[in-house]
Amino acid sequence: MTDKNNMEKMARDFLDLWQKQLNSTMKEPDIAGEMMRNMQAMQQKFFEGGNVTAQPDVSEHGDDELRKLDQRIRACEQRLDALERKSKSRGGKSSKSDK
């Protein structure tokens, strides 16, 4: 399997897992309400210029699916960083510097 095919498969798997988690989460009224409150708070902080990059501690939730999603996101971020560093060392531009 080529790197491109592997990346596409990982992206599809990530989106499938994310959609499964979101669907199951939104079925719980308490969690859905809390997510809405958190999103509103993040929007408010964003428009006020506050720091919205703090990551929640998923270990306190005890949810295996959430923990798996967090692990996969972190793995994707590490892979992306490695690819950007590799591209940069070859003279390419990273997506972060393109903004």
PDB file of N, CA and C in Angstrom:
ATOM      1  N   MET A   1       0.854  -1.190   0.000  1.00  0.00           N
ATOM      2  CA  MET A   1       0.000   0.000   0.000  1.00  0.00           C
ATOM      3  C   MET A   1       0.893   1.245   0.000  1.00  0.00           C
ATOM      4  N   THR A   2       0.631   2.163  -0.855  1.00  0.00           N
ATOM      5  CA  THR A   2       1.439   3.371  -0.931  1.00  0.00           C
ATOM      6  C   THR A   2       1.143   4.279   0.246  1.00  0.00           C
ATOM      7  N   ASP A   3       2.035   5.227   0.469  1.00  0.00           N
ATOM      8  CA  ASP A   3       1.839   6.184   1.565  1.00  0.00           C
ATOM      9  C   ASP A   3       0.537   6.954   1.385  1.00  0.00           C
ATOM     10  N   LYS A   4       0.242   7.336   0.132  1.00  0.00           N
ATOM     11  CA  LYS A   4      -0.975   8.106  -0.127  1.00  0.00           C
ATOM     12  C   LYS A   4      -2.212   7.279   0.220  1.00  0.00           C
ATOM     13  N   ASN A   5      -2.227   6.015  -0.220  1.00  0.00           N
ATOM     14  CA  ASN A   5      -3.364   5.143   0.101  1.00  0.00           C
ATOM     15  C   ASN A   5      -3.479   4.918   1.602  1.00  0.00           C
ATOM     16  N   ASN A   6      -2.342   4.755   2.257  1.00  0.00           N
ATOM     17  CA  ASN A   6      -2.337   4.552   3.702  1.00  0.00           C
ATOM     18  C   ASN A   6      -2.885   5.792   4.422  1.00  0.00           C
ATOM     19  N   MET A   7      -2.466   6.956   3.975  1.00  0.00           N
ATOM     20  CA  MET A   7      -2.953   8.208   4.580  1.00  0.00           C
ATOM     21  C   MET A   7      -4.452   8.365   4.353  1.00  0.00           C
ATOM     22  N   GLU A   8      -4.911   8.030   3.155  1.00  0.00           N
ATOM     23  CA  GLU A   8      -6.339   8.131   2.863  1.00  0.00           C
ATOM     24  C   GLU A   8      -7.142   7.159   3.721  1.00  0.00           C
ATOM     25  N   LYS A   9      -6.618   5.955   3.920  1.00  0.00           N
ATOM     26  CA  LYS A   9      -7.292   4.979   4.762  1.00  0.00           C
ATOM     27  C   LYS A   9      -7.337   5.471   6.205  1.00  0.00           C
ATOM     28  N   MET A  10      -6.208   6.014   6.687  1.00  0.00           N
ATOM     29  CA  MET A  10      -6.186   6.542   8.062  1.00  0.00           C
ATOM     30  C   MET A  10      -7.187   7.681   8.206  1.00  0.00           C
ATOM     31  N   ALA A  11      -7.279   8.535   7.204  1.00  0.00           N
ATOM     32  CA  ALA A  11      -8.227   9.656   7.265  1.00  0.00           C
ATOM     33  C   ALA A  11      -9.663   9.137   7.294  1.00  0.00           C
ATOM     34  N   ARG A  12      -9.961   8.149   6.446  1.00  0.00           N
ATOM     35  CA  ARG A  12     -11.317   7.561   6.449  1.00  0.00           C
ATOM     36  C   ARG A  12     -11.624   6.909   7.793  1.00  0.00           C
ATOM     37  N   ASP A  13     -10.651   6.151   8.323  1.00  0.00           N
ATOM     38  CA  ASP A  13     -10.839   5.499   9.616  1.00  0.00           C
ATOM     39  C   ASP A  13     -11.067   6.532  10.723  1.00  0.00           C
ATOM     40  N   PHE A  14     -10.291   7.610  10.671  1.00  0.00           N
ATOM     41  CA  PHE A  14     -10.432   8.668  11.671  1.00  0.00           C
ATOM     42  C   PHE A  14     -11.837   9.276  11.609  1.00  0.00           C
ATOM     43  N   LEU A  15     -12.279   9.602  10.399  1.00  0.00           N
ATOM     44  CA  LEU A  15     -13.602  10.207  10.259  1.00  0.00           C
ATOM     45  C   LEU A  15     -14.714   9.242  10.660  1.00  0.00           C
ATOM     46  N   ASP A  16     -14.556   7.966  10.333  1.00  0.00           N
ATOM     47  CA  ASP A  16     -15.549   6.974  10.745  1.00  0.00           C
ATOM     48  C   ASP A  16     -15.635   6.878  12.260  1.00  0.00           C
ATOM     49  N   LEU A  17     -14.481   6.829  12.925  1.00  0.00           N
ATOM     50  CA  LEU A  17     -14.457   6.762  14.389  1.00  0.00           C
ATOM     51  C   LEU A  17     -15.044   8.031  14.999  1.00  0.00           C
ATOM     52  N   TRP A  18     -14.679   9.175  14.432  1.00  0.00           N
ATOM     53  CA  TRP A  18     -15.198  10.447  14.938  1.00  0.00           C
ATOM     54  C   TRP A  18     -16.717  10.501  14.797  1.00  0.00           C
ATOM     55  N   GLN A  19     -17.231  10.087  13.649  1.00  0.00           N
ATOM     56  CA  GLN A  19     -18.674  10.120  13.427  1.00  0.00           C
ATOM     57  C   GLN A  19     -19.385   9.160  14.378  1.00  0.00           C
ATOM     58  N   LYS A  20     -18.827   7.981  14.582  1.00  0.00           N
ATOM     59  CA  LYS A  20     -19.422   7.018  15.508  1.00  0.00           C
ATOM     60  C   LYS A  20     -19.470   7.597  16.925  1.00  0.00           C
ATOM     61  N   GLN A  21     -18.371   8.217  17.340  1.00  0.00           N
ATOM     62  CA  GLN A  21     -18.318   8.812  18.678  1.00  0.00           C
ATOM     63  C   GLN A  21     -19.317   9.963  18.807  1.00  0.00           C
ATOM     64  N   LEU A  22     -19.374  10.811  17.818  1.00  0.00           N
ATOM     65  CA  LEU A  22     -20.279  11.950  17.870  1.00  0.00           C
ATOM     66  C   LEU A  22     -21.736  11.494  17.903  1.00  0.00           C
ATOM     67  N   ASN A  23     -22.068  10.511  17.073  1.00  0.00           N
ATOM     68  CA  ASN A  23     -23.439   9.995  17.066  1.00  0.00           C
ATOM     69  C   ASN A  23     -23.831   9.405  18.409  1.00  0.00           C
ATOM     70  N   SER A  24     -22.948   8.623  19.010  1.00  0.00           N
ATOM     71  CA  SER A  24     -23.286   8.018  20.298  1.00  0.00           C
ATOM     72  C   SER A  24     -23.334   9.070  21.405  1.00  0.00           C
ATOM     73  N   THR A  25     -22.480  10.066  21.315  1.00  0.00           N
ATOM     74  CA  THR A  25     -22.459  11.119  22.329  1.00  0.00           C
ATOM     75  C   THR A  25     -23.719  11.968  22.277  1.00  0.00           C
ATOM     76  N   MET A  26     -24.154  12.292  21.092  1.00  0.00           N
ATOM     77  CA  MET A  26     -25.311  13.187  20.964  1.00  0.00           C
ATOM     78  C   MET A  26     -26.622  12.516  21.379  1.00  0.00           C
ATOM     79  N   LYS A  27     -26.606  11.211  21.585  1.00  0.00           N
ATOM     80  CA  LYS A  27     -27.800  10.514  22.066  1.00  0.00           C
ATOM     81  C   LYS A  27     -28.000  10.708  23.572  1.00  0.00           C
ATOM     82  N   GLU A  28     -26.972  11.176  24.242  1.00  0.00           N
ATOM     83  CA  GLU A  28     -27.029  11.415  25.680  1.00  0.00           C
ATOM     84  C   GLU A  28     -27.325  12.893  25.927  1.00  0.00           C
ATOM     85  N   PRO A  29     -28.532  13.219  26.429  1.00  0.00           N
ATOM     86  CA  PRO A  29     -28.919  14.628  26.592  1.00  0.00           C
ATOM     87  C   PRO A  29     -27.974  15.437  27.489  1.00  0.00           C
ATOM     88  N   ASP A  30     -27.484  14.823  28.558  1.00  0.00           N
ATOM     89  CA  ASP A  30     -26.588  15.557  29.461  1.00  0.00           C
ATOM     90  C   ASP A  30     -25.273  15.904  28.767  1.00  0.00           C
ATOM     91  N   ILE A  31     -24.746  14.944  28.032  1.00  0.00           N
ATOM     92  CA  ILE A  31     -23.472  15.170  27.335  1.00  0.00           C
ATOM     93  C   ILE A  31     -23.660  16.169  26.205  1.00  0.00           C
ATOM     94  N   ALA A  32     -24.751  16.022  25.461  1.00  0.00           N
ATOM     95  CA  ALA A  32     -25.006  16.946  24.354  1.00  0.00           C
ATOM     96  C   ALA A  32     -25.132  18.381  24.872  1.00  0.00           C
ATOM     97  N   GLY A  33     -25.834  18.542  25.982  1.00  0.00           N
ATOM     98  CA  GLY A  33     -25.973  19.876  26.578  1.00  0.00           C
ATOM     99  C   GLY A  33     -24.643  20.441  27.027  1.00  0.00           C
ATOM    100  N   GLU A  34     -23.824  19.592  27.632  1.00  0.00           N
ATOM    101  CA  GLU A  34     -22.499  20.034  28.085  1.00  0.00           C
ATOM    102  C   GLU A  34     -21.617  20.414  26.897  1.00  0.00           C
ATOM    103  N   MET A  35     -21.695  19.643  25.816  1.00  0.00           N
ATOM    104  CA  MET A  35     -20.921  19.979  24.614  1.00  0.00           C
ATOM    105  C   MET A  35     -21.339  21.337  24.058  1.00  0.00           C
ATOM    106  N   MET A  36     -22.630  21.584  24.039  1.00  0.00           N
ATOM    107  CA  MET A  36     -23.117  22.874  23.535  1.00  0.00           C
ATOM    108  C   MET A  36     -22.606  24.016  24.412  1.00  0.00           C
ATOM    109  N   ARG A  37     -22.660  23.830  25.728  1.00  0.00           N
ATOM    110  CA  ARG A  37     -22.151  24.876  26.635  1.00  0.00           C
ATOM    111  C   ARG A  37     -20.657  25.106  26.403  1.00  0.00           C
ATOM    112  N   ASN A  38     -19.905  24.024  26.217  1.00  0.00           N
ATOM    113  CA  ASN A  38     -18.466  24.155  25.977  1.00  0.00           C
ATOM    114  C   ASN A  38     -18.178  24.869  24.660  1.00  0.00           C
ATOM    115  N   MET A  39     -18.928  24.513  23.614  1.00  0.00           N
ATOM    116  CA  MET A  39     -18.726  25.176  22.326  1.00  0.00           C
ATOM    117  C   MET A  39     -19.046  26.671  22.412  1.00  0.00           C
ATOM    118  N   GLN A  40     -20.110  27.003  23.131  1.00  0.00           N
ATOM    119  CA  GLN A  40     -20.457  28.415  23.298  1.00  0.00           C
ATOM    120  C   GLN A  40     -19.369  29.147  24.072  1.00  0.00           C
ATOM    121  N   ALA A  41     -18.821  28.500  25.099  1.00  0.00           N
ATOM    122  CA  ALA A  41     -17.749  29.124  25.878  1.00  0.00           C
ATOM    123  C   ALA A  41     -16.500  29.316  25.023  1.00  0.00           C
ATOM    124  N   MET A  42     -16.179  28.326  24.182  1.00  0.00           N
ATOM    125  CA  MET A  42     -15.005  28.457  23.304  1.00  0.00           C
ATOM    126  C   MET A  42     -15.196  29.583  22.296  1.00  0.00           C
ATOM    127  N   GLN A  43     -16.394  29.673  21.745  1.00  0.00           N
ATOM    128  CA  GLN A  43     -16.663  30.753  20.792  1.00  0.00           C
ATOM    129  C   GLN A  43     -16.519  32.101  21.471  1.00  0.00           C
ATOM    130  N   GLN A  44     -17.051  32.204  22.666  1.00  0.00           N
ATOM    131  CA  GLN A  44     -16.977  33.462  23.393  1.00  0.00           C
ATOM    132  C   GLN A  44     -15.522  33.823  23.669  1.00  0.00           C
ATOM    133  N   LYS A  45     -14.727  32.845  24.132  1.00  0.00           N
ATOM    134  CA  LYS A  45     -13.308  33.119  24.402  1.00  0.00           C
ATOM    135  C   LYS A  45     -12.564  33.481  23.123  1.00  0.00           C
ATOM    136  N   PHE A  46     -12.913  32.807  22.022  1.00  0.00           N
ATOM    137  CA  PHE A  46     -12.263  33.098  20.752  1.00  0.00           C
ATOM    138  C   PHE A  46     -12.509  34.543  20.348  1.00  0.00           C
ATOM    139  N   PHE A  47     -13.764  34.968  20.419  1.00  0.00           N
ATOM    140  CA  PHE A  47     -14.089  36.328  19.995  1.00  0.00           C
ATOM    141  C   PHE A  47     -13.568  37.373  20.970  1.00  0.00           C
ATOM    142  N   GLU A  48     -13.299  36.956  22.198  1.00  0.00           N
ATOM    143  CA  GLU A  48     -12.713  37.871  23.180  1.00  0.00           C
ATOM    144  C   GLU A  48     -11.192  37.811  23.153  1.00  0.00           C
ATOM    145  N   GLY A  49     -10.640  36.898  22.331  1.00  0.00           N
ATOM    146  CA  GLY A  49      -9.185  36.775  22.226  1.00  0.00           C
ATOM    147  C   GLY A  49      -8.574  35.910  23.295  1.00  0.00           C
ATOM    148  N   GLY A  50      -9.365  35.064  23.958  1.00  0.00           N
ATOM    149  CA  GLY A  50      -8.858  34.199  25.016  1.00  0.00           C
ATOM    150  C   GLY A  50      -8.192  32.949  24.485  1.00  0.00           C
ATOM    151  N   ASN A  51      -7.630  32.174  25.395  1.00  0.00           N
ATOM    152  CA  ASN A  51      -6.940  30.937  25.042  1.00  0.00           C
ATOM    153  C   ASN A  51      -7.951  29.798  24.987  1.00  0.00           C
ATOM    154  N   VAL A  52      -8.119  29.200  23.825  1.00  0.00           N
ATOM    155  CA  VAL A  52      -9.063  28.088  23.674  1.00  0.00           C
ATOM    156  C   VAL A  52      -8.338  26.797  23.305  1.00  0.00           C
ATOM    157  N   THR A  53      -7.016  26.740  23.495  1.00  0.00           N
ATOM    158  CA  THR A  53      -6.256  25.572  23.075  1.00  0.00           C
ATOM    159  C   THR A  53      -6.093  24.532  24.170  1.00  0.00           C
ATOM    160  N   ALA A  54      -6.570  24.778  25.376  1.00  0.00           N
ATOM    161  CA  ALA A  54      -6.434  23.808  26.456  1.00  0.00           C
ATOM    162  C   ALA A  54      -7.180  22.529  26.101  1.00  0.00           C
ATOM    163  N   GLN A  55      -6.532  21.388  26.337  1.00  0.00           N
ATOM    164  CA  GLN A  55      -7.142  20.105  26.014  1.00  0.00           C
ATOM    165  C   GLN A  55      -7.712  19.478  27.277  1.00  0.00           C
ATOM    166  N   PRO A  56      -8.931  18.936  27.198  1.00  0.00           N
ATOM    167  CA  PRO A  56      -9.517  18.294  28.365  1.00  0.00           C
ATOM    168  C   PRO A  56      -8.800  16.990  28.687  1.00  0.00           C
ATOM    169  N   ASP A  57      -8.850  16.590  29.938  1.00  0.00           N
ATOM    170  CA  ASP A  57      -8.282  15.327  30.370  1.00  0.00           C
ATOM    171  C   ASP A  57      -9.327  14.247  30.153  1.00  0.00           C
ATOM    172  N   VAL A  58      -9.125  13.410  29.119  1.00  0.00           N
ATOM    173  CA  VAL A  58     -10.139  12.412  28.790  1.00  0.00           C
ATOM    174  C   VAL A  58     -10.159  11.275  29.798  1.00  0.00           C
ATOM    175  N   SER A  59      -9.116  11.146  30.607  1.00  0.00           N
ATOM    176  CA  SER A  59      -9.073  10.037  31.551  1.00  0.00           C
ATOM    177  C   SER A  59     -10.172  10.141  32.597  1.00  0.00           C
ATOM    178  N   GLU A  60     -10.630  11.334  32.892  1.00  0.00           N
ATOM    179  CA  GLU A  60     -11.669  11.503  33.901  1.00  0.00           C
ATOM    180  C   GLU A  60     -13.042  11.046  33.420  1.00  0.00           C
ATOM    181  N   HIS A  61     -13.219  10.907  32.119  1.00  0.00           N
ATOM    182  CA  HIS A  61     -14.520  10.528  31.587  1.00  0.00           C
ATOM    183  C   HIS A  61     -14.734   9.022  31.584  1.00  0.00           C
ATOM    184  N   GLY A  62     -13.657   8.240  31.581  1.00  0.00           N
ATOM    185  CA  GLY A  62     -13.756   6.799  31.607  1.00  0.00           C
ATOM    186  C   GLY A  62     -14.419   6.196  30.383  1.00  0.00           C
ATOM    187  N   ASP A  63     -14.410   6.868  29.278  1.00  0.00           N
ATOM    188  CA  ASP A  63     -15.070   6.391  28.074  1.00  0.00           C
ATOM    189  C   ASP A  63     -14.019   5.865  27.110  1.00  0.00           C
ATOM    190  N   ASP A  64     -14.074   4.553  26.828  1.00  0.00           N
ATOM    191  CA  ASP A  64     -13.066   3.939  25.953  1.00  0.00           C
ATOM    192  C   ASP A  64     -13.048   4.532  24.559  1.00  0.00           C
ATOM    193  N   GLU A  65     -14.212   4.806  24.004  1.00  0.00           N
ATOM    194  CA  GLU A  65     -14.263   5.369  22.650  1.00  0.00           C
ATOM    195  C   GLU A  65     -13.619   6.751  22.611  1.00  0.00           C
ATOM    196  N   LEU A  66     -13.872   7.550  23.623  1.00  0.00           N
ATOM    197  CA  LEU A  66     -13.274   8.885  23.686  1.00  0.00           C
ATOM    198  C   LEU A  66     -11.763   8.778  23.837  1.00  0.00           C
ATOM    199  N   ARG A  67     -11.322   7.850  24.648  1.00  0.00           N
ATOM    200  CA  ARG A  67      -9.891   7.641  24.840  1.00  0.00           C
ATOM    201  C   ARG A  67      -9.237   7.199  23.527  1.00  0.00           C
ATOM    202  N   LYS A  68      -9.900   6.286  22.788  1.00  0.00           N
ATOM    203  CA  LYS A  68      -9.376   5.834  21.494  1.00  0.00           C
ATOM    204  C   LYS A  68      -9.295   6.993  20.508  1.00  0.00           C
ATOM    205  N   LEU A  69     -10.334   7.809  20.479  1.00  0.00           N
ATOM    206  CA  LEU A  69     -10.344   8.956  19.577  1.00  0.00           C
ATOM    207  C   LEU A  69      -9.213   9.914  19.917  1.00  0.00           C
ATOM    208  N   ASP A  70      -9.023  10.178  21.195  1.00  0.00           N
ATOM    209  CA  ASP A  70      -7.946  11.069  21.622  1.00  0.00           C
ATOM    210  C   ASP A  70      -6.589  10.513  21.204  1.00  0.00           C
ATOM    211  N   GLN A  71      -6.375   9.209  21.384  1.00  0.00           N
ATOM    212  CA  GLN A  71      -5.111   8.586  20.988  1.00  0.00           C
ATOM    213  C   GLN A  71      -4.889   8.683  19.489  1.00  0.00           C
ATOM    214  N   ARG A  72      -5.938   8.455  18.724  1.00  0.00           N
ATOM    215  CA  ARG A  72      -5.799   8.498  17.265  1.00  0.00           C
ATOM    216  C   ARG A  72      -5.551   9.920  16.775  1.00  0.00           C
ATOM    217  N   ILE A  73      -6.196  10.897  17.400  1.00  0.00           N
ATOM    218  CA  ILE A  73      -5.951  12.293  17.019  1.00  0.00           C
ATOM    219  C   ILE A  73      -4.509  12.664  17.309  1.00  0.00           C
ATOM    220  N   ARG A  74      -4.030  12.292  18.484  1.00  0.00           N
ATOM    221  CA  ARG A  74      -2.640  12.600  18.841  1.00  0.00           C
ATOM    222  C   ARG A  74      -1.666  11.924  17.876  1.00  0.00           C
ATOM    223  N   ALA A  75      -1.951  10.677  17.489  1.00  0.00           N
ATOM    224  CA  ALA A  75      -1.094   9.968  16.531  1.00  0.00           C
ATOM    225  C   ALA A  75      -1.107  10.677  15.180  1.00  0.00           C
ATOM    226  N   CYS A  76      -2.283  11.115  14.744  1.00  0.00           N
ATOM    227  CA  CYS A  76      -2.382  11.849  13.467  1.00  0.00           C
ATOM    228  C   CYS A  76      -1.603  13.156  13.531  1.00  0.00           C
ATOM    229  N   GLU A  77      -1.693  13.851  14.669  1.00  0.00           N
ATOM    230  CA  GLU A  77      -0.956  15.114  14.815  1.00  0.00           C
ATOM    231  C   GLU A  77       0.547  14.870  14.752  1.00  0.00           C
ATOM    232  N   GLN A  78       1.012  13.790  15.396  1.00  0.00           N
ATOM    233  CA  GLN A  78       2.441  13.471  15.361  1.00  0.00           C
ATOM    234  C   GLN A  78       2.895  13.132  13.942  1.00  0.00           C
ATOM    235  N   ARG A  79       2.082  12.366  13.235  1.00  0.00           N
ATOM    236  CA  ARG A  79       2.427  12.018  11.846  1.00  0.00           C
ATOM    237  C   ARG A  79       2.461  13.257  10.972  1.00  0.00           C
ATOM    238  N   LEU A  80       1.490  14.136  11.147  1.00  0.00           N
ATOM    239  CA  LEU A  80       1.444  15.361  10.367  1.00  0.00           C
ATOM    240  C   LEU A  80       2.659  16.232  10.657  1.00  0.00           C
ATOM    241  N   ASP A  81       3.021  16.366  11.928  1.00  0.00           N
ATOM    242  CA  ASP A  81       4.209  17.139  12.281  1.00  0.00           C
ATOM    243  C   ASP A  81       5.460  16.556  11.633  1.00  0.00           C
ATOM    244  N   ALA A  82       5.577  15.213  11.654  1.00  0.00           N
ATOM    245  CA  ALA A  82       6.742  14.563  11.046  1.00  0.00           C
ATOM    246  C   ALA A  82       6.780  14.813   9.541  1.00  0.00           C
ATOM    247  N   LEU A  83       5.628  14.719   8.893  1.00  0.00           N
ATOM    248  CA  LEU A  83       5.577  14.988   7.449  1.00  0.00           C
ATOM    249  C   LEU A  83       5.936  16.438   7.140  1.00  0.00           C
ATOM    250  N   GLU A  84       5.460  17.362   7.963  1.00  0.00           N
ATOM    251  CA  GLU A  84       5.777  18.773   7.735  1.00  0.00           C
ATOM    252  C   GLU A  84       7.262  19.028   7.938  1.00  0.00           C
ATOM    253  N   ARG A  85       7.850  18.420   8.964  1.00  0.00           N
ATOM    254  CA  ARG A  85       9.292  18.592   9.191  1.00  0.00           C
ATOM    255  C   ARG A  85      10.081  18.018   8.020  1.00  0.00           C
ATOM    256  N   LYS A  86       9.659  16.851   7.530  1.00  0.00           N
ATOM    257  CA  LYS A  86      10.338  16.205   6.403  1.00  0.00           C
ATOM    258  C   LYS A  86      10.234  17.077   5.158  1.00  0.00           C
ATOM    259  N   SER A  87       9.049  17.613   4.913  1.00  0.00           N
ATOM    260  CA  SER A  87       8.836  18.475   3.752  1.00  0.00           C
ATOM    261  C   SER A  87       9.680  19.746   3.869  1.00  0.00           C
ATOM    262  N   LYS A  88       9.711  20.297   5.061  1.00  0.00           N
ATOM    263  CA  LYS A  88      10.472  21.525   5.282  1.00  0.00           C
ATOM    264  C   LYS A  88      11.971  21.293   5.068  1.00  0.00           C
ATOM    265  N   SER A  89      12.454  20.125   5.514  1.00  0.00           N
ATOM    266  CA  SER A  89      13.884  19.837   5.363  1.00  0.00           C
ATOM    267  C   SER A  89      14.272  19.638   3.896  1.00  0.00           C
ATOM    268  N   ARG A  90      13.269  19.313   3.071  1.00  0.00           N
ATOM    269  CA  ARG A  90      13.522  19.164   1.635  1.00  0.00           C
ATOM    270  C   ARG A  90      13.284  20.470   0.882  1.00  0.00           C
ATOM    271  N   GLY A  91      12.976  21.517   1.598  1.00  0.00           N
ATOM    272  CA  GLY A  91      12.783  22.807   0.955  1.00  0.00           C
ATOM    273  C   GLY A  91      11.335  23.152   0.684  1.00  0.00           C
ATOM    274  N   GLY A  92      10.418  22.282   1.090  1.00  0.00           N
ATOM    275  CA  GLY A  92       9.000  22.549   0.898  1.00  0.00           C
ATOM    276  C   GLY A  92       8.471  23.437   2.001  1.00  0.00           C
ATOM    277  N   LYS A  93       7.263  23.892   1.808  1.00  0.00           N
ATOM    278  CA  LYS A  93       6.621  24.734   2.822  1.00  0.00           C
ATOM    279  C   LYS A  93       5.656  23.879   3.621  1.00  0.00           C
ATOM    280  N   SER A  94       5.597  24.113   4.925  1.00  0.00           N
ATOM    281  CA  SER A  94       4.606  23.408   5.740  1.00  0.00           C
ATOM    282  C   SER A  94       3.299  24.148   5.657  1.00  0.00           C
ATOM    283  N   SER A  95       2.211  23.445   5.952  1.00  0.00           N
ATOM    284  CA  SER A  95       0.892  24.086   5.889  1.00  0.00           C
ATOM    285  C   SER A  95       0.775  25.187   6.935  1.00  0.00           C
ATOM    286  N   LYS A  96       1.524  25.058   8.038  1.00  0.00           N
ATOM    287  CA  LYS A  96       1.466  26.088   9.074  1.00  0.00           C
ATOM    288  C   LYS A  96       2.076  27.400   8.579  1.00  0.00           C
ATOM    289  N   SER A  97       3.120  27.297   7.748  1.00  0.00           N
ATOM    290  CA  SER A  97       3.770  28.524   7.268  1.00  0.00           C
ATOM    291  C   SER A  97       3.036  29.131   6.090  1.00  0.00           C
ATOM    292  N   ASP A  98       2.093  28.364   5.503  1.00  0.00           N
ATOM    293  CA  ASP A  98       1.339  28.867   4.358  1.00  0.00           C
ATOM    294  C   ASP A  98       0.236  29.827   4.781  1.00  0.00           C
ATOM    295  N   LYS A  99      -0.097  29.828   6.055  1.00  0.00           N
ATOM    296  CA  LYS A  99      -1.226  30.661   6.528  1.00  0.00           C
ATOM    297  C   LYS A  99      -0.853  32.090   6.706  1.00  0.00           C
TER     298      LYS A  99
END
